[in-house]
C-alpha atoms as a PDB file:
ATOM      1  CA  MET A   1     118.021 122.555  49.010  1.00  0.00           C
ATOM      2  CA  ILE A   2     121.818 120.659  48.121  1.00  0.00           C
ATOM      3  CA  LEU A   3     121.669 117.517  46.467  1.00  0.00           C
ATOM      4  CA  THR A   4     124.580 115.490  47.361  1.00  0.00           C
ATOM      5  CA  LYS A   5     125.984 112.278  45.287  1.00  0.00           C
ATOM      6  CA  ALA A   6     123.899 110.397  48.102  1.00  0.00           C
ATOM      7  CA  THR A   7     120.754 112.445  48.370  1.00  0.00           C
ATOM      8  CA  ARG A   8     120.310 111.842  43.965  1.00  0.00           C
ATOM      9  CA  ARG A   9     121.158 108.141  44.531  1.00  0.00           C
ATOM     10  CA  ARG A  10     118.069 107.838  47.038  1.00  0.00           C
ATOM     11  CA  ALA A  11     115.869 110.298  45.245  1.00  0.00           C
ATOM     12  CA  THR A  12     116.398 108.074  42.153  1.00  0.00           C
ATOM     13  CA  GLN A  13     116.579 104.515  43.587  1.00  0.00           C
ATOM     14  CA  PRO A  14     112.902 103.316  43.839  1.00  0.00           C
ATOM     15  CA  SER A  15     111.334 102.756  47.325  1.00  0.00           C
ATOM     16  CA  VAL A  16     110.989  99.841  49.235  1.00  0.00           C
ATOM     17  CA  SER A  17     108.292  98.432  50.524  1.00  0.00           C
ATOM     18  CA  VAL A  18     108.447  96.638  54.709  1.00  0.00           C
ATOM     19  CA  SER A  19     107.962  93.721  53.265  1.00  0.00           C
ATOM     20  CA  ASN A  20     110.508  93.693  50.831  1.00  0.00           C
ATOM     21  CA  ARG A  21     113.070  94.895  53.563  1.00  0.00           C
ATOM     22  CA  TRP A  22     112.141  92.151  55.531  1.00  0.00           C
ATOM     23  CA  ARG A  23     112.800  89.729  52.371  1.00  0.00           C
ATOM     24  CA  ARG A  24     115.758  91.081  51.832  1.00  0.00           C
ATOM     25  CA  GLY A  25     117.392  91.244  55.640  1.00  0.00           C
ATOM     26  CA  ALA A  26     116.425  87.094  55.562  1.00  0.00           C
ATOM     27  CA  GLY A  27     119.289  85.892  55.423  1.00  0.00           C
ATOM     28  CA  ARG A  28     122.043  88.785  58.216  1.00  0.00           C
ATOM     29  CA  ASN A  29     121.233  88.130  61.488  1.00  0.00           C
ATOM     30  CA  ARG A  30     118.507  90.934  62.758  1.00  0.00           C
ATOM     31  CA  SER A  31     119.291  90.358  66.370  1.00  0.00           C
ATOM     32  CA  GLY A  32     120.764  93.694  67.111  1.00  0.00           C
ATOM     33  CA  ALA A  33     117.563  95.807  67.123  1.00  0.00           C
ATOM     34  CA  TRP A  34     115.566  93.279  69.011  1.00  0.00           C
ATOM     35  CA  PRO A  35     116.574  92.622  71.875  1.00  0.00           C
ATOM     36  CA  GLY A  36     116.536  96.121  73.287  1.00  0.00           C
ATOM     37  CA  PHE A  37     112.992  96.696  71.373  1.00  0.00           C
ATOM     38  CA  ALA A  38     111.556  93.407  73.304  1.00  0.00           C
ATOM     39  CA  LEU A  39     113.276  94.764  76.323  1.00  0.00           C
ATOM     40  CA  VAL A  40     111.586  98.311  76.004  1.00  0.00           C
ATOM     41  CA  VAL A  41     107.988  96.777  75.129  1.00  0.00           C
ATOM     42  CA  SER A  42     108.252  93.691  78.035  1.00  0.00           C
ATOM     43  CA  LEU A  43     109.474  96.814  80.470  1.00  0.00           C
ATOM     44  CA  TRP A  44     106.434  98.797  79.109  1.00  0.00           C
ATOM     45  CA  LEU A  45     104.119  95.959  79.725  1.00  0.00           C
ATOM     46  CA  LEU A  46     105.594  95.216  83.129  1.00  0.00           C
ATOM     47  CA  ALA A  47     104.718  98.725  84.083  1.00  0.00           C
ATOM     48  CA  GLY A  48     101.447  98.568  83.302  1.00  0.00           C
ATOM     49  CA  CYS A  49     100.746  95.655  85.988  1.00  0.00           C
ATOM     50  CA  VAL A  50     102.376  97.247  88.678  1.00  0.00           C
ATOM     51  CA  THR A  51     100.075  97.915  91.166  1.00  0.00           C
ATOM     52  CA  PRO A  52      99.599 101.712  92.051  1.00  0.00           C
ATOM     53  CA  ASN A  53     100.996 102.837  95.900  1.00  0.00           C
ATOM     54  CA  ARG A  54      97.335 102.238  97.946  1.00  0.00           C
ATOM     55  CA  PRO A  55      97.039 102.755 101.304  1.00  0.00           C
ATOM     56  CA  SER A  56      97.323  98.960 103.038  1.00  0.00           C
ATOM     57  CA  ALA A  57      94.050  98.018 104.227  1.00  0.00           C
ATOM     58  CA  THR A  58      95.728  97.569 107.405  1.00  0.00           C
ATOM     59  CA  ALA A  59      95.668 100.977 107.569  1.00  0.00           C
ATOM     60  CA  GLU A  60      91.801 100.736 108.191  1.00  0.00           C
ATOM     61  CA  ALA A  61      91.998  97.897 110.793  1.00  0.00           C
ATOM     62  CA  ASP A  62      94.827 100.304 112.738  1.00  0.00           C
ATOM     63  CA  VAL A  63      92.382 102.895 112.477  1.00  0.00           C
ATOM     64  CA  ARG A  64      89.649 100.908 113.873  1.00  0.00           C
ATOM     65  CA  ALA A  65      91.642  99.359 116.344  1.00  0.00           C
ATOM     66  CA  VAL A  66      92.702 102.841 117.989  1.00  0.00           C
ATOM     67  CA  LEU A  67      88.929 103.513 118.095  1.00  0.00           C
ATOM     68  CA  GLU A  68      88.525 100.161 120.076  1.00  0.00           C
ATOM     69  CA  GLN A  69      91.074 101.597 122.090  1.00  0.00           C
ATOM     70  CA  GLN A  70      89.330 104.895 122.974  1.00  0.00           C
ATOM     71  CA  VAL A  71      85.821 102.792 123.865  1.00  0.00           C
ATOM     72  CA  ARG A  72      87.963  99.992 126.017  1.00  0.00           C
ATOM     73  CA  GLU A  73      90.255 102.810 128.221  1.00  0.00           C
ATOM     74  CA  TRP A  74      86.467 104.931 128.359  1.00  0.00           C
ATOM     75  CA  ASN A  75      84.450 102.604 129.582  1.00  0.00           C
ATOM     76  CA  ALA A  76      87.445 101.427 131.626  1.00  0.00           C
ATOM     77  CA  GLY A  77      87.290 104.713 133.573  1.00  0.00           C
ATOM     78  CA  ASN A  78      91.274 105.042 132.170  1.00  0.00           C
ATOM     79  CA  LEU A  79      91.485 109.081 131.411  1.00  0.00           C
ATOM     80  CA  ALA A  80      94.942 108.726 130.191  1.00  0.00           C
ATOM     81  CA  GLY A  81      94.608 105.496 128.623  1.00  0.00           C
ATOM     82  CA  PHE A  82      91.705 107.541 126.537  1.00  0.00           C
ATOM     83  CA  MET A  83      94.327 110.065 125.237  1.00  0.00           C
ATOM     84  CA  ASP A  84      96.880 108.109 124.592  1.00  0.00           C
ATOM     85  CA  THR A  85      95.412 107.731 121.463  1.00  0.00           C
ATOM     86  CA  TYR A  86      95.712 111.517 120.322  1.00  0.00           C
ATOM     87  CA  ALA A  87      98.628 113.010 118.896  1.00  0.00           C
ATOM     88  CA  ARG A  88     101.123 114.382 121.868  1.00  0.00           C
ATOM     89  CA  SER A  89     101.584 117.903 119.859  1.00  0.00           C
ATOM     90  CA  ASP A  90     100.499 121.351 120.667  1.00  0.00           C
ATOM     91  CA  GLN A  91      98.709 121.217 117.194  1.00  0.00           C
ATOM     92  CA  THR A  92      96.367 118.839 118.539  1.00  0.00           C
ATOM     93  CA  HIS A  93      92.229 120.576 118.129  1.00  0.00           C
ATOM     94  CA  PHE A  94      89.533 119.464 119.412  1.00  0.00           C
ATOM     95  CA  ALA A  95      86.134 120.774 118.774  1.00  0.00           C
ATOM     96  CA  SER A  96      83.289 120.818 120.122  1.00  0.00           C
ATOM     97  CA  GLY A  97      79.880 123.003 121.110  1.00  0.00           C
ATOM     98  CA  GLY A  98      81.732 126.123 119.837  1.00  0.00           C
ATOM     99  CA  ASP A  99      84.758 125.885 121.516  1.00  0.00           C
ATOM    100  CA  LEU A 100      87.897 124.589 120.695  1.00  0.00           C
ATOM    101  CA  SER A 101      91.316 122.944 122.389  1.00  0.00           C
ATOM    102  CA  LEU A 102      94.558 123.280 121.052  1.00  0.00           C
ATOM    103  CA  GLY A 103      96.881 121.341 122.313  1.00  0.00           C
ATOM    104  CA  TRP A 104      97.234 117.625 123.661  1.00  0.00           C
ATOM    105  CA  GLN A 105      97.852 119.086 127.418  1.00  0.00           C
ATOM    106  CA  ARG A 106      94.224 121.150 127.041  1.00  0.00           C
ATOM    107  CA  VAL A 107      92.455 118.829 124.945  1.00  0.00           C
ATOM    108  CA  PHE A 108      92.988 116.260 128.462  1.00  0.00           C
ATOM    109  CA  ASP A 109      92.587 119.125 130.719  1.00  0.00           C
ATOM    110  CA  ARG A 110      88.856 119.481 129.328  1.00  0.00           C
ATOM    111  CA  TYR A 111      88.172 116.187 129.759  1.00  0.00           C
ATOM    112  CA  ARG A 112      89.291 116.414 133.370  1.00  0.00           C
ATOM    113  CA  LYS A 113      87.316 119.402 133.533  1.00  0.00           C
ATOM    114  CA  LYS A 114      83.716 117.926 132.289  1.00  0.00           C
ATOM    115  CA  TYR A 115      84.230 114.371 133.149  1.00  0.00           C
ATOM    116  CA  GLY A 116      86.095 114.089 136.685  1.00  0.00           C
ATOM    117  CA  ASN A 117      86.595 110.782 137.736  1.00  0.00           C
ATOM    118  CA  PRO A 118      85.626 107.484 135.738  1.00  0.00           C
ATOM    119  CA  ALA A 119      81.728 107.075 137.237  1.00  0.00           C
ATOM    120  CA  GLY A 120      81.499 110.792 135.652  1.00  0.00           C
ATOM    121  CA  MET A 121      83.051 109.011 132.341  1.00  0.00           C
ATOM    122  CA  GLY A 122      80.275 106.228 131.922  1.00  0.00           C
ATOM    123  CA  THR A 123      80.409 103.968 129.249  1.00  0.00           C
ATOM    124  CA  THR A 124      80.647 104.941 125.796  1.00  0.00           C
ATOM    125  CA  THR A 125      79.804 103.230 122.443  1.00  0.00           C
ATOM    126  CA  PHE A 126      80.704 103.941 119.013  1.00  0.00           C
ATOM    127  CA  SER A 127      78.579 102.820 115.902  1.00  0.00           C
ATOM    128  CA  ASP A 128      78.205 103.773 111.859  1.00  0.00           C
ATOM    129  CA  LEU A 129      82.163 104.193 111.437  1.00  0.00           C
ATOM    130  CA  GLU A 130      83.552 105.476 108.515  1.00  0.00           C
ATOM    131  CA  ILE A 131      87.263 105.136 107.815  1.00  0.00           C
ATOM    132  CA  THR A 132      88.876 106.960 104.391  1.00  0.00           C
ATOM    133  CA  VAL A 133      92.269 106.358 104.661  1.00  0.00           C
ATOM    134  CA  LEU A 134      93.902 109.147 102.696  1.00  0.00           C
ATOM    135  CA  ALA A 135      96.694 108.313 102.487  1.00  0.00           C
ATOM    136  CA  PRO A 136      99.451 105.954 103.297  1.00  0.00           C
ATOM    137  CA  ASP A 137      99.531 108.433 106.660  1.00  0.00           C
ATOM    138  CA  ALA A 138      96.845 109.871 107.194  1.00  0.00           C
ATOM    139  CA  ALA A 139      92.819 108.615 108.014  1.00  0.00           C
ATOM    140  CA  LEU A 140      89.418 110.345 108.535  1.00  0.00           C
ATOM    141  CA  ALA A 141      87.178 108.604 110.796  1.00  0.00           C
ATOM    142  CA  PHE A 142      83.253 109.356 110.578  1.00  0.00           C
ATOM    143  CA  GLY A 143      80.862 107.840 113.380  1.00  0.00           C
ATOM    144  CA  ARG A 144      78.272 108.206 116.219  1.00  0.00           C
ATOM    145  CA  TRP A 145      78.958 108.269 119.921  1.00  0.00           C
ATOM    146  CA  HIS A 146      76.665 107.322 122.310  1.00  0.00           C
ATOM    147  CA  GLN A 147      77.102 107.657 126.168  1.00  0.00           C
ATOM    148  CA  LYS A 148      75.748 106.955 129.580  1.00  0.00           C
ATOM    149  CA  GLY A 149      76.294 107.618 132.751  1.00  0.00           C
ATOM    150  CA  ASP A 150      75.998 109.344 135.782  1.00  0.00           C
ATOM    151  CA  ARG A 151      75.196 113.127 133.658  1.00  0.00           C
ATOM    152  CA  GLY A 152      72.725 111.129 132.103  1.00  0.00           C
ATOM    153  CA  GLU A 153      72.855 109.929 128.761  1.00  0.00           C
ATOM    154  CA  GLY A 154      73.755 111.907 125.355  1.00  0.00           C
ATOM    155  CA  GLN A 155      74.786 110.963 121.649  1.00  0.00           C
ATOM    156  CA  GLY A 156      76.421 112.685 118.678  1.00  0.00           C
ATOM    157  CA  LEU A 157      78.871 112.591 115.652  1.00  0.00           C
ATOM    158  CA  PHE A 158      82.522 112.700 114.934  1.00  0.00           C
ATOM    159  CA  THR A 159      84.653 113.416 112.679  1.00  0.00           C
ATOM    160  CA  LEU A 160      88.518 112.527 113.538  1.00  0.00           C
ATOM    161  CA  LEU A 161      91.248 112.974 111.446  1.00  0.00           C
ATOM    162  CA  LEU A 162      94.132 110.759 112.171  1.00  0.00           C
ATOM    163  CA  ARG A 163      97.736 110.800 111.182  1.00  0.00           C
ATOM    164  CA  LYS A 164     100.510 107.455 111.299  1.00  0.00           C
ATOM    165  CA  MET A 165     103.212 108.261 113.650  1.00  0.00           C
ATOM    166  CA  PRO A 166     106.011 106.700 115.099  1.00  0.00           C
ATOM    167  CA  GLU A 167     104.280 105.255 117.760  1.00  0.00           C
ATOM    168  CA  GLY A 168     100.909 104.359 115.467  1.00  0.00           C
ATOM    169  CA  TRP A 169      97.656 105.795 114.289  1.00  0.00           C
ATOM    170  CA  ARG A 170      97.182 109.150 116.535  1.00  0.00           C
ATOM    171  CA  ILE A 171      93.549 111.571 116.491  1.00  0.00           C
ATOM    172  CA  VAL A 172      95.299 114.863 115.241  1.00  0.00           C
ATOM    173  CA  HIS A 173      91.657 116.783 114.920  1.00  0.00           C
ATOM    174  CA  ASP A 174      88.806 115.753 116.531  1.00  0.00           C
ATOM    175  CA  HIS A 175      85.265 118.157 115.943  1.00  0.00           C
ATOM    176  CA  THR A 176      83.176 115.973 118.038  1.00  0.00           C
ATOM    177  CA  SER A 177      78.672 117.247 118.393  1.00  0.00           C
ATOM    178  CA  ALA A 178      76.028 116.742 120.535  1.00  0.00           C
ATOM    179  CA  ALA A 179      72.175 115.559 119.462  1.00  0.00           C
ATOM    180  CA  ASP A 180      69.900 117.948 121.269  1.00  0.00           C
ATOM    181  CA  LYS A 181      68.658 116.260 123.912  1.00  0.00           C
ATOM    182  CA  LYS A 182      64.793 115.115 123.069  1.00  0.00           C
END
Protein backbone atom coordinates (compact mmCIF):
# COMPACT_ATOMS: atom_id res chain seq x y z
CA MET A 1 0.00 0.00 0.00
CA ILE A 2 1.33 3.44 -0.92
CA LEU A 3 0.99 6.00 1.80
CA THR A 4 0.28 9.56 0.74
CA LYS A 5 0.41 12.55 3.04
CA ALA A 6 -3.37 12.45 3.50
CA THR A 7 -3.30 8.72 4.29
CA ARG A 8 -0.48 9.19 6.82
CA ARG A 9 -2.32 12.10 8.42
CA ARG A 10 -5.50 10.00 8.82
CA ALA A 11 -3.56 7.06 10.14
CA THR A 12 -1.88 9.21 12.80
CA GLN A 13 -5.04 11.04 13.91
CA PRO A 14 -6.92 9.44 16.78
CA SER A 15 -10.23 7.89 15.87
CA VAL A 16 -13.23 10.02 16.66
CA SER A 17 -16.26 8.45 18.31
CA VAL A 18 -19.73 9.07 16.95
CA SER A 19 -20.64 11.22 19.90
CA ASN A 20 -17.60 13.48 19.30
CA ARG A 21 -18.58 13.87 15.67
CA TRP A 22 -22.02 15.10 16.70
CA ARG A 23 -20.54 17.54 19.18
CA ARG A 24 -18.06 18.87 16.66
CA GLY A 25 -20.83 19.55 14.15
CA ALA A 26 -23.09 21.18 16.71
CA GLY A 27 -22.41 24.69 15.43
CA ARG A 28 -22.74 23.77 11.74
CA ASN A 29 -25.80 23.50 9.55
CA ARG A 30 -26.40 19.74 9.52
CA SER A 31 -29.58 19.92 7.50
CA GLY A 32 -27.89 18.90 4.23
CA ALA A 33 -28.06 15.12 4.80
CA TRP A 34 -31.10 14.95 7.07
CA PRO A 35 -33.87 15.94 4.63
CA GLY A 36 -32.72 13.24 2.19
CA PHE A 37 -32.39 10.66 4.94
CA ALA A 38 -35.80 11.60 6.37
CA LEU A 39 -37.36 11.34 2.91
CA VAL A 40 -35.89 7.88 2.33
CA VAL A 41 -37.05 6.64 5.74
CA SER A 42 -40.52 8.15 5.24
CA LEU A 43 -40.93 6.52 1.82
CA TRP A 44 -39.71 3.21 3.21
CA LEU A 45 -42.23 3.37 6.06
CA LEU A 46 -45.05 4.40 3.71
CA ALA A 47 -44.23 1.51 1.38
CA GLY A 48 -44.92 -0.82 4.28
CA CYS A 49 -48.35 0.74 4.69
CA VAL A 50 -49.44 0.25 1.10
CA THR A 51 -51.98 -2.53 0.78
CA PRO A 52 -51.09 -5.22 -1.71
CA ASN A 53 -53.16 -5.51 -4.86
CA ARG A 54 -55.90 -7.78 -3.48
CA PRO A 55 -58.92 -8.80 -5.49
CA SER A 56 -61.78 -6.60 -4.44
CA ALA A 57 -64.61 -7.88 -2.29
CA THR A 58 -66.92 -6.90 -5.11
CA ALA A 59 -65.36 -9.56 -7.36
CA GLU A 60 -66.83 -12.28 -5.15
CA ALA A 61 -70.21 -10.51 -5.13
CA ASP A 62 -70.08 -10.14 -8.92
CA VAL A 63 -69.35 -13.85 -9.39
CA ARG A 64 -72.18 -14.71 -6.99
CA ALA A 65 -74.48 -12.48 -9.08
CA VAL A 66 -73.56 -14.50 -12.21
CA LEU A 67 -74.55 -17.72 -10.42
CA GLU A 68 -77.80 -16.14 -9.24
CA GLN A 69 -78.47 -15.05 -12.84
CA GLN A 70 -77.95 -18.66 -13.96
CA VAL A 71 -80.54 -19.93 -11.48
CA ARG A 72 -82.99 -17.15 -12.36
CA GLU A 73 -82.69 -17.72 -16.13
CA TRP A 74 -82.86 -21.51 -15.80
CA ASN A 75 -85.96 -21.37 -13.62
CA ALA A 76 -87.58 -18.96 -16.11
CA GLY A 77 -86.96 -21.51 -18.87
CA ASN A 78 -84.66 -19.05 -20.64
CA LEU A 79 -81.82 -21.21 -21.91
CA ALA A 80 -80.38 -18.32 -23.98
CA GLY A 81 -80.26 -16.12 -20.85
CA PHE A 82 -78.66 -18.96 -18.91
CA MET A 83 -76.01 -19.28 -21.63
CA ASP A 84 -75.24 -15.55 -21.42
CA THR A 85 -73.26 -16.40 -18.28
CA TYR A 86 -70.78 -18.41 -20.38
CA ALA A 87 -67.94 -16.89 -22.40
CA ARG A 88 -68.84 -16.77 -26.09
CA SER A 89 -65.62 -18.43 -27.09
CA ASP A 90 -64.48 -21.49 -29.00
CA GLN A 91 -62.39 -22.28 -25.90
CA THR A 92 -65.30 -22.51 -23.44
CA HIS A 93 -65.23 -25.96 -21.82
CA PHE A 94 -68.13 -27.97 -20.40
CA ALA A 95 -67.31 -31.40 -18.95
CA SER A 96 -69.89 -33.79 -17.55
CA GLY A 97 -70.41 -37.53 -17.44
CA GLY A 98 -67.14 -38.23 -19.20
CA ASP A 99 -68.07 -35.98 -22.14
CA LEU A 100 -66.50 -32.70 -23.15
CA SER A 101 -68.23 -29.96 -25.10
CA LEU A 102 -65.74 -27.42 -26.41
CA GLY A 103 -66.97 -24.02 -27.53
CA TRP A 104 -69.93 -21.87 -26.49
CA GLN A 105 -72.14 -23.02 -29.37
CA ARG A 106 -71.53 -26.72 -28.62
CA VAL A 107 -72.35 -26.17 -24.94
CA PHE A 108 -75.57 -24.37 -25.94
CA ASP A 109 -76.46 -27.17 -28.40
CA ARG A 110 -75.82 -29.79 -25.70
CA TYR A 111 -78.22 -28.07 -23.29
CA ARG A 112 -80.88 -27.67 -26.00
CA LYS A 113 -80.62 -31.32 -26.97
CA LYS A 114 -80.75 -32.55 -23.37
CA TYR A 115 -83.51 -30.25 -22.04
CA GLY A 116 -85.37 -29.20 -25.19
CA ASN A 117 -87.96 -26.77 -23.87
CA PRO A 118 -88.66 -24.77 -20.70
CA ALA A 119 -90.84 -27.56 -19.25
CA GLY A 120 -87.96 -30.01 -19.70
CA MET A 121 -85.59 -27.68 -17.87
CA GLY A 122 -87.55 -27.72 -14.62
CA THR A 123 -86.15 -25.71 -11.73
CA THR A 124 -82.71 -25.64 -10.22
CA THR A 125 -81.07 -24.36 -7.05
CA PHE A 126 -77.47 -23.97 -5.99
CA SER A 127 -76.19 -24.52 -2.46
CA ASP A 128 -72.95 -24.75 -0.51
CA LEU A 129 -71.37 -22.13 -2.76
CA GLU A 130 -67.68 -21.44 -2.28
CA ILE A 131 -66.21 -18.65 -4.36
CA THR A 132 -62.48 -18.10 -4.45
CA VAL A 133 -61.16 -15.04 -6.23
CA LEU A 134 -57.87 -16.17 -7.75
CA ALA A 135 -56.86 -12.87 -9.35
CA PRO A 136 -58.56 -9.62 -10.26
CA ASP A 137 -59.82 -11.31 -13.44
CA ALA A 138 -60.20 -14.96 -12.39
CA ALA A 139 -62.39 -16.79 -9.88
CA LEU A 140 -63.30 -20.36 -8.98
CA ALA A 141 -66.82 -21.31 -7.90
CA PHE A 142 -67.68 -24.64 -6.33
CA GLY A 143 -71.09 -25.80 -5.19
CA ARG A 144 -74.00 -28.22 -5.34
CA TRP A 145 -76.87 -28.14 -7.81
CA HIS A 146 -80.35 -29.57 -7.26
CA GLN A 147 -82.83 -29.93 -10.09
CA LYS A 148 -86.50 -30.91 -10.34
CA GLY A 149 -88.58 -31.19 -13.45
CA ASP A 150 -90.28 -33.43 -16.02
CA ARG A 151 -87.14 -35.54 -16.16
CA GLY A 152 -87.25 -36.23 -12.43
CA GLU A 153 -84.91 -34.99 -9.75
CA GLY A 154 -81.15 -34.77 -9.82
CA GLN A 155 -78.30 -33.34 -7.89
CA GLY A 156 -74.56 -33.09 -8.06
CA LEU A 157 -71.51 -30.88 -7.82
CA PHE A 158 -70.03 -28.23 -10.07
CA THR A 159 -66.73 -26.42 -10.36
CA LEU A 160 -66.65 -23.29 -12.51
CA LEU A 161 -63.73 -21.20 -13.64
CA LEU A 162 -64.83 -17.64 -14.40
CA ARG A 163 -62.88 -14.86 -16.08
CA LYS A 164 -63.63 -11.15 -15.97
CA MET A 165 -64.19 -9.96 -19.51
CA PRO A 166 -65.26 -6.62 -20.96
CA GLU A 167 -68.91 -7.75 -20.72
CA GLY A 168 -68.45 -8.93 -17.11
CA TRP A 169 -67.68 -12.22 -15.36
CA ARG A 170 -68.18 -15.24 -17.62
CA ILE A 171 -67.78 -18.99 -17.20
CA VAL A 172 -64.91 -20.36 -19.28
CA HIS A 173 -64.74 -23.85 -17.76
CA ASP A 174 -67.63 -25.85 -16.24
CA HIS A 175 -67.17 -29.29 -14.75
CA THR A 176 -70.50 -30.66 -13.53
CA SER A 177 -71.10 -34.09 -12.09
CA ALA A 178 -74.33 -35.83 -11.17
CA ALA A 179 -74.69 -37.93 -8.05
CA ASP A 180 -75.79 -41.51 -8.51
CA LYS A 181 -79.53 -41.84 -8.09
CA LYS A 182 -80.44 -43.82 -4.99
